[in-house]
Amino acid sequence: MYPNIYDEILEAIRYSPRFFDNCQTEKFEEYLSSLQDNLINLRKSYKKDWVQADYRDIKTQAAYLLAYYPQYAEICSDIFCQIEQEFNFNADFKISFLGSGPCPEIIGFLYFLSQHSENNHNLETNVFDLETSHWQSAREITEYLVGRYNQEHYINIHPHTIDLCEPRSPDKFSRIFKESNIIVFQNCLNELWQQNIVQDNLDSILDLAPSQSLFFIIDRRYVSLLQISNFLQNKTNNHQNFVIVREYQEFGYENLQKTSFRVNIPEILVSNLFDNNVDGLFLRKWKKYCSIILRKN
C-alpha cells in the first residue's frame, strides 16, 4: 500500500527549511491557513485562458503542492494506464517532461510503473520549465517523494530551463529529444502566450523524437489546447509517420477507474487550508482534464 501523498507532502513541507521551517509562524496549522490567499490567487489565475502566476513566491509553491500536485500526479498515472498497450514499458527508455514545474508527473509515472512494469528501470528523466530555478525547492519535495513511492527503479532527474515562446528554443536540447522515447506536456499550455512559436517548437521536438516514441498533451480545456489539437491533427494528416493514438477528448475523474492512489485529504488541510464557503478555497473532489496522445512510427 502506497502512503497518502497529501500526508507525505505535508510532512516534507513541515520539515523543509525553505517552507515552514523557515517562517515565523508558531503553529503549522497557522502556516497552512496563511496559504489561503496564495491558493485563491492561483485558482483565479487558472480560470483564465492565459495564466500569470508568481511561482517565485515560496508560499505560492506550497499552495500548489498541496492543492494541485496530488491531482496532477494522479492524472498522469491514469493516462499511462489507459495506453499501456501502446508502449513496451518493460524495455529501457528515456522520458522528458515539458512545463513540469515541481514535476508531479514523475510521481504519477512511477506509480504507474510500479503497477505495470515487470522490470526494474534506471530512468533518465529530463524535466523542462521556464521557471526551473524558481521551482527548485518544490522539486526537492518531489525528490523526497520519489524515495517514498519508489523501491524498484533508480531515477535520475535532470532539470533544464526552456522558453517554448522563444523561437528554436528546443535546438540546444536536440540530443535529449532525439533520445526521448516518451515526452509529456502537462498543465502548462495556458502559460504559453506565443502559440505560433510554441507550435513551431513542438513541431521541432516531434521531428527530433525517435521512432515509436509517444507524445502526450494533458491539460484543461483552454483555447490553447484546442489550437494545439488542430495543429497535431494537421501534423498527422500531412505526415504518415505520425498517428494520433488518443483523439482529443475530455474526461472527469468520476468516469475513471479508481486506484489506491486516490486517497483521503487529511483533516489538517480540510480545517486550515480548504474552505467550501469561500470561492477559490473549495475542496475539489474531481479534476476534469483533456488529453491528446501522438505516436511517431
Protein backbone atom coordinates (compact mmCIF):
# COMPACT_ATOMS: atom_id res chain seq x y z
CA MET A 1 0.00 0.00 0.00
CA TYR A 2 1.38 3.37 -1.01
CA PRO A 3 1.49 6.20 1.56
CA ASN A 4 -1.04 9.03 1.42
CA ILE A 5 0.52 11.60 -0.93
CA TYR A 6 -1.07 14.52 0.97
CA ASP A 7 0.45 13.27 4.23
CA GLU A 8 3.84 12.92 2.56
CA ILE A 9 3.75 16.44 1.09
CA LEU A 10 2.63 17.89 4.42
CA GLU A 11 5.49 16.12 6.19
CA ALA A 12 8.03 17.34 3.63
CA ILE A 13 6.78 20.94 3.82
CA ARG A 14 6.74 20.88 7.63
CA TYR A 15 10.43 19.94 7.82
CA SER A 16 11.71 21.80 4.78
CA PRO A 17 14.00 24.75 5.60
CA ARG A 18 12.57 26.57 2.57
CA PHE A 19 8.91 26.23 3.54
CA PHE A 20 7.53 26.07 7.10
CA ASP A 21 10.85 25.62 8.86
CA ASN A 22 11.97 29.00 7.63
CA CYS A 23 8.92 31.06 8.61
CA GLN A 24 7.94 32.77 11.84
CA THR A 25 4.54 31.12 12.21
CA GLU A 26 4.20 29.47 15.60
CA LYS A 27 1.97 26.57 14.57
CA PHE A 28 1.88 24.51 11.40
CA GLU A 29 -1.90 24.94 11.25
CA GLU A 30 -1.44 28.72 11.15
CA TYR A 31 1.09 28.35 8.37
CA LEU A 32 -1.41 26.33 6.31
CA SER A 33 -4.07 29.00 6.88
CA SER A 34 -1.61 31.64 5.71
CA LEU A 35 -1.51 29.89 2.31
CA GLN A 36 -5.19 30.61 1.60
CA ASP A 37 -4.60 33.90 -0.21
CA ASN A 38 -1.97 32.22 -2.40
CA LEU A 39 -4.38 29.42 -3.28
CA ILE A 40 -7.18 31.87 -4.11
CA ASN A 41 -4.84 33.80 -6.42
CA LEU A 42 -3.67 30.60 -8.11
CA ARG A 43 -7.22 29.45 -8.79
CA LYS A 44 -8.25 32.85 -10.12
CA SER A 45 -5.31 32.73 -12.48
CA TYR A 46 -6.04 29.17 -13.65
CA LYS A 47 -9.60 30.09 -14.60
CA LYS A 48 -8.25 32.28 -17.40
CA ASP A 49 -7.16 31.13 -20.84
CA TRP A 50 -3.80 32.82 -20.25
CA VAL A 51 -2.24 32.38 -16.83
CA GLN A 52 0.04 34.70 -14.91
CA ALA A 53 1.25 33.26 -11.61
CA ASP A 54 4.25 34.18 -9.47
CA TYR A 55 5.92 30.82 -8.88
CA ARG A 56 8.92 32.56 -7.34
CA ASP A 57 6.82 33.06 -4.19
CA ILE A 58 7.57 30.10 -1.91
CA LYS A 59 4.05 30.24 -0.44
CA THR A 60 2.55 30.02 -3.91
CA GLN A 61 4.65 26.90 -4.44
CA ALA A 62 3.40 25.45 -1.16
CA ALA A 63 -0.24 26.12 -2.12
CA TYR A 64 0.39 24.47 -5.50
CA LEU A 65 1.98 21.42 -3.86
CA LEU A 66 -1.00 20.91 -1.56
CA ALA A 67 -3.88 21.77 -3.89
CA TYR A 68 -2.71 20.70 -7.37
CA TYR A 69 0.29 18.41 -7.16
CA PRO A 70 -1.52 15.23 -5.97
CA GLN A 71 -4.21 15.53 -8.65
CA TYR A 72 -1.70 16.19 -11.43
CA ALA A 73 0.30 13.14 -10.38
CA GLU A 74 -2.86 11.07 -10.43
CA ILE A 75 -3.93 12.30 -13.87
CA CYS A 76 -0.55 11.34 -15.32
CA SER A 77 -0.80 7.87 -13.81
CA ASP A 78 -4.33 7.42 -15.20
CA ILE A 79 -3.32 8.44 -18.72
CA PHE A 80 -0.46 5.95 -18.81
CA CYS A 81 -2.78 3.21 -17.57
CA GLN A 82 -5.10 3.92 -20.49
CA ILE A 83 -2.37 3.50 -23.14
CA GLU A 84 -0.39 0.67 -21.54
CA GLN A 85 -0.60 -1.48 -24.69
CA GLU A 86 0.87 1.26 -26.91
CA PHE A 87 4.40 1.06 -25.49
CA ASN A 88 6.77 -1.58 -24.11
CA PHE A 89 7.28 -0.32 -20.57
CA ASN A 90 9.47 -3.33 -19.75
CA ALA A 91 12.19 -2.16 -22.15
CA ASP A 92 14.76 0.55 -21.45
CA PHE A 93 13.57 4.06 -22.33
CA LYS A 94 14.09 7.75 -21.58
CA ILE A 95 11.35 10.21 -20.69
CA SER A 96 11.06 14.01 -20.85
CA PHE A 97 8.51 16.25 -19.13
CA LEU A 98 7.79 19.72 -20.57
CA GLY A 99 6.45 22.55 -18.41
CA SER A 100 6.74 20.29 -15.41
CA GLY A 101 7.42 22.82 -12.61
CA PRO A 102 7.81 20.73 -9.44
CA CYS A 103 7.35 17.52 -11.51
CA PRO A 104 4.22 15.81 -10.10
CA GLU A 105 4.18 13.77 -13.34
CA ILE A 106 7.25 11.87 -12.13
CA ILE A 107 5.38 10.56 -9.10
CA GLY A 108 2.37 9.61 -11.22
CA PHE A 109 4.58 7.83 -13.73
CA LEU A 110 6.48 5.95 -11.02
CA TYR A 111 3.19 4.80 -9.54
CA PHE A 112 2.12 3.55 -12.97
CA LEU A 113 5.43 1.71 -13.47
CA SER A 114 5.13 0.04 -10.08
CA GLN A 115 1.83 -1.47 -11.20
CA HIS A 116 2.55 -2.25 -14.86
CA SER A 117 6.25 -2.92 -15.42
CA GLU A 118 7.91 -6.21 -14.53
CA ASN A 119 11.46 -4.87 -14.78
CA ASN A 120 13.49 -2.52 -12.63
CA HIS A 121 14.47 0.60 -14.55
CA ASN A 122 17.37 3.01 -14.45
CA LEU A 123 15.37 6.05 -15.56
CA GLU A 124 16.99 9.09 -17.11
CA THR A 125 14.36 11.79 -16.70
CA ASN A 126 14.71 15.25 -18.22
CA VAL A 127 12.39 17.97 -16.92
CA PHE A 128 11.92 21.31 -18.69
CA ASP A 129 10.36 24.53 -17.42
CA LEU A 130 10.69 28.28 -17.89
CA GLU A 131 10.93 28.70 -14.09
CA THR A 132 13.25 25.75 -13.41
CA SER A 133 15.46 27.56 -10.90
CA HIS A 134 12.48 29.01 -9.02
CA TRP A 135 10.88 25.56 -8.65
CA GLN A 136 13.98 24.04 -7.05
CA SER A 137 12.54 23.94 -3.52
CA ALA A 138 9.36 22.25 -4.71
CA ARG A 139 11.39 19.77 -6.80
CA GLU A 140 13.20 18.81 -3.61
CA ILE A 141 9.79 17.72 -2.31
CA THR A 142 9.46 15.56 -5.43
CA GLU A 143 12.88 14.00 -4.78
CA TYR A 144 11.71 13.15 -1.27
CA LEU A 145 8.50 11.61 -2.65
CA VAL A 146 10.48 9.56 -5.18
CA GLY A 147 12.10 7.79 -2.24
CA ARG A 148 8.74 7.21 -0.56
CA TYR A 149 6.88 5.99 -3.66
CA ASN A 150 9.61 4.06 -5.41
CA GLN A 151 11.51 0.97 -4.35
CA GLU A 152 12.02 -0.71 -7.72
CA HIS A 153 13.50 1.94 -10.01
CA TYR A 154 16.54 4.21 -9.92
CA ILE A 155 15.63 7.64 -11.26
CA ASN A 156 17.93 10.48 -12.28
CA ILE A 157 16.19 13.88 -12.61
CA HIS A 158 17.90 16.41 -14.89
CA PRO A 159 16.30 19.92 -14.78
CA HIS A 160 16.59 22.26 -17.77
CA THR A 161 15.34 25.80 -18.43
CA ILE A 162 13.45 26.28 -21.69
CA ASP A 163 11.23 29.06 -23.03
CA LEU A 164 8.88 27.49 -25.55
CA CYS A 165 7.78 31.00 -26.57
CA GLU A 166 11.30 31.67 -27.83
CA PRO A 167 11.94 30.65 -31.46
CA ARG A 168 14.04 27.50 -31.90
CA SER A 169 14.40 27.00 -28.14
CA PRO A 170 14.45 23.16 -28.41
CA ASP A 171 17.53 23.29 -30.67
CA LYS A 172 20.05 23.35 -27.81
CA PHE A 173 18.40 20.24 -26.33
CA SER A 174 18.25 18.32 -29.60
CA ARG A 175 20.30 15.39 -28.27
CA ILE A 176 17.88 14.94 -25.36
CA PHE A 177 14.78 14.99 -27.56
CA LYS A 178 16.39 12.61 -30.05
CA GLU A 179 16.70 10.10 -27.20
CA SER A 180 13.30 10.72 -25.55
CA ASN A 181 11.01 7.74 -26.06
CA ILE A 182 8.21 9.44 -24.10
CA ILE A 183 7.51 13.18 -23.99
CA VAL A 184 4.83 14.52 -21.64
CA PHE A 185 3.45 18.05 -21.85
CA GLN A 186 1.03 18.54 -18.94
CA ASN A 187 -0.83 21.51 -17.47
CA CYS A 188 1.15 24.42 -18.88
CA LEU A 189 -0.38 25.37 -22.25
CA ASN A 190 -2.26 28.32 -20.82
CA GLU A 191 1.03 29.87 -19.69
CA LEU A 192 2.44 29.93 -23.23
CA TRP A 193 1.14 33.03 -25.00
CA GLN A 194 3.01 32.89 -28.30
CA GLN A 195 1.06 29.99 -29.80
CA ASN A 196 2.59 30.16 -33.28
CA ILE A 197 6.09 29.93 -31.84
CA VAL A 198 5.02 27.21 -29.39
CA GLN A 199 3.62 25.13 -32.24
CA ASP A 200 6.82 25.57 -34.26
CA ASN A 201 8.84 24.40 -31.26
CA LEU A 202 6.59 21.41 -30.63
CA ASP A 203 6.92 20.56 -34.30
CA SER A 204 10.71 20.57 -33.90
CA ILE A 205 10.51 18.34 -30.82
CA LEU A 206 8.27 15.86 -32.63
CA ASP A 207 10.64 15.75 -35.59
CA LEU A 208 13.61 15.16 -33.29
CA ALA A 209 11.95 12.36 -31.30
CA PRO A 210 12.91 8.76 -32.22
CA SER A 211 10.59 6.33 -33.99
CA GLN A 212 7.98 4.58 -31.81
CA SER A 213 8.05 7.46 -29.34
CA LEU A 214 4.89 8.73 -27.65
CA PHE A 215 3.96 12.39 -27.19
CA PHE A 216 1.35 13.35 -24.56
CA ILE A 217 -0.55 16.60 -24.09
CA ILE A 218 -2.68 16.69 -20.94
CA ASP A 219 -4.45 19.86 -19.87
CA ARG A 220 -7.71 21.59 -19.14
CA ARG A 221 -9.95 22.71 -21.97
CA TYR A 222 -8.29 26.01 -22.71
CA VAL A 223 -8.31 27.81 -26.06
CA SER A 224 -4.62 26.95 -26.37
CA LEU A 225 -5.41 23.23 -26.10
CA LEU A 226 -7.91 23.44 -28.93
CA GLN A 227 -5.29 25.22 -31.04
CA ILE A 228 -2.68 22.56 -30.29
CA SER A 229 -5.22 19.83 -31.05
CA ASN A 230 -5.80 21.31 -34.52
CA PHE A 231 -2.06 21.61 -35.06
CA LEU A 232 -1.47 17.94 -34.18
CA GLN A 233 -4.35 16.85 -36.39
CA ASN A 234 -2.76 18.69 -39.32
CA LYS A 235 0.58 17.11 -38.44
CA THR A 236 -0.84 13.61 -38.73
CA ASN A 237 -2.73 14.45 -41.92
CA ASN A 238 0.43 15.71 -43.62
CA HIS A 239 2.93 13.16 -42.28
CA GLN A 240 2.22 9.44 -42.44
CA ASN A 241 4.74 8.60 -39.73
CA PHE A 242 2.64 10.38 -37.07
CA VAL A 243 -0.52 8.75 -35.70
CA ILE A 244 -2.96 10.04 -33.10
CA VAL A 245 -3.35 7.28 -30.53
CA ARG A 246 -5.88 9.15 -28.43
CA GLU A 247 -8.08 11.77 -30.05
CA TYR A 248 -8.81 14.99 -28.20
CA GLN A 249 -11.41 14.20 -25.57
CA GLU A 250 -12.43 15.28 -22.14
CA PHE A 251 -12.51 13.14 -19.03
CA GLY A 252 -13.64 13.56 -15.46
CA TYR A 253 -12.31 11.62 -12.52
CA GLU A 254 -15.80 10.31 -11.81
CA ASN A 255 -15.63 8.34 -15.07
CA LEU A 256 -12.25 6.73 -14.41
CA GLN A 257 -11.41 3.53 -12.61
CA LYS A 258 -10.44 4.23 -9.01
CA THR A 259 -7.00 3.17 -7.83
CA SER A 260 -5.25 3.08 -4.46
CA PHE A 261 -3.54 6.34 -5.45
CA ARG A 262 -6.80 8.17 -4.69
CA VAL A 263 -6.61 8.98 -1.03
CA ASN A 264 -8.46 10.94 1.61
CA ILE A 265 -7.43 14.54 2.15
CA PRO A 266 -6.08 14.94 5.71
CA GLU A 267 -8.23 16.76 8.23
CA ILE A 268 -5.50 19.33 8.89
CA LEU A 269 -5.92 20.57 5.29
CA VAL A 270 -9.70 20.45 5.40
CA SER A 271 -9.69 22.55 8.57
CA ASN A 272 -6.93 25.03 7.77
CA LEU A 273 -6.43 25.43 4.01
CA PHE A 274 -9.61 24.48 2.19
CA ASP A 275 -12.98 26.12 2.88
CA ASN A 276 -16.13 25.23 0.93
CA ASN A 277 -17.67 28.56 1.93
CA VAL A 278 -15.01 30.67 0.21
CA ASP A 279 -14.64 30.93 -3.56
CA GLY A 280 -11.16 29.73 -4.50
CA LEU A 281 -10.77 27.52 -1.45
CA PHE A 282 -13.27 24.79 -2.36
CA LEU A 283 -12.18 21.25 -1.62
CA ARG A 284 -12.27 19.70 -5.09
CA LYS A 285 -13.05 16.00 -5.32
CA TRP A 286 -12.91 15.68 -9.12
CA LYS A 287 -10.48 17.02 -11.67
CA LYS A 288 -11.54 17.30 -15.31
CA TYR A 289 -8.88 17.20 -17.97
CA CYS A 290 -8.31 16.57 -21.67
CA SER A 291 -5.67 14.51 -23.42
CA ILE A 292 -4.11 14.06 -26.86
CA ILE A 293 -1.60 11.26 -27.48
CA LEU A 294 0.54 11.03 -30.60
CA ARG A 295 2.83 8.21 -31.73
CA LYS A 296 5.73 8.60 -34.13
CA ASN A 297 6.08 5.47 -36.27
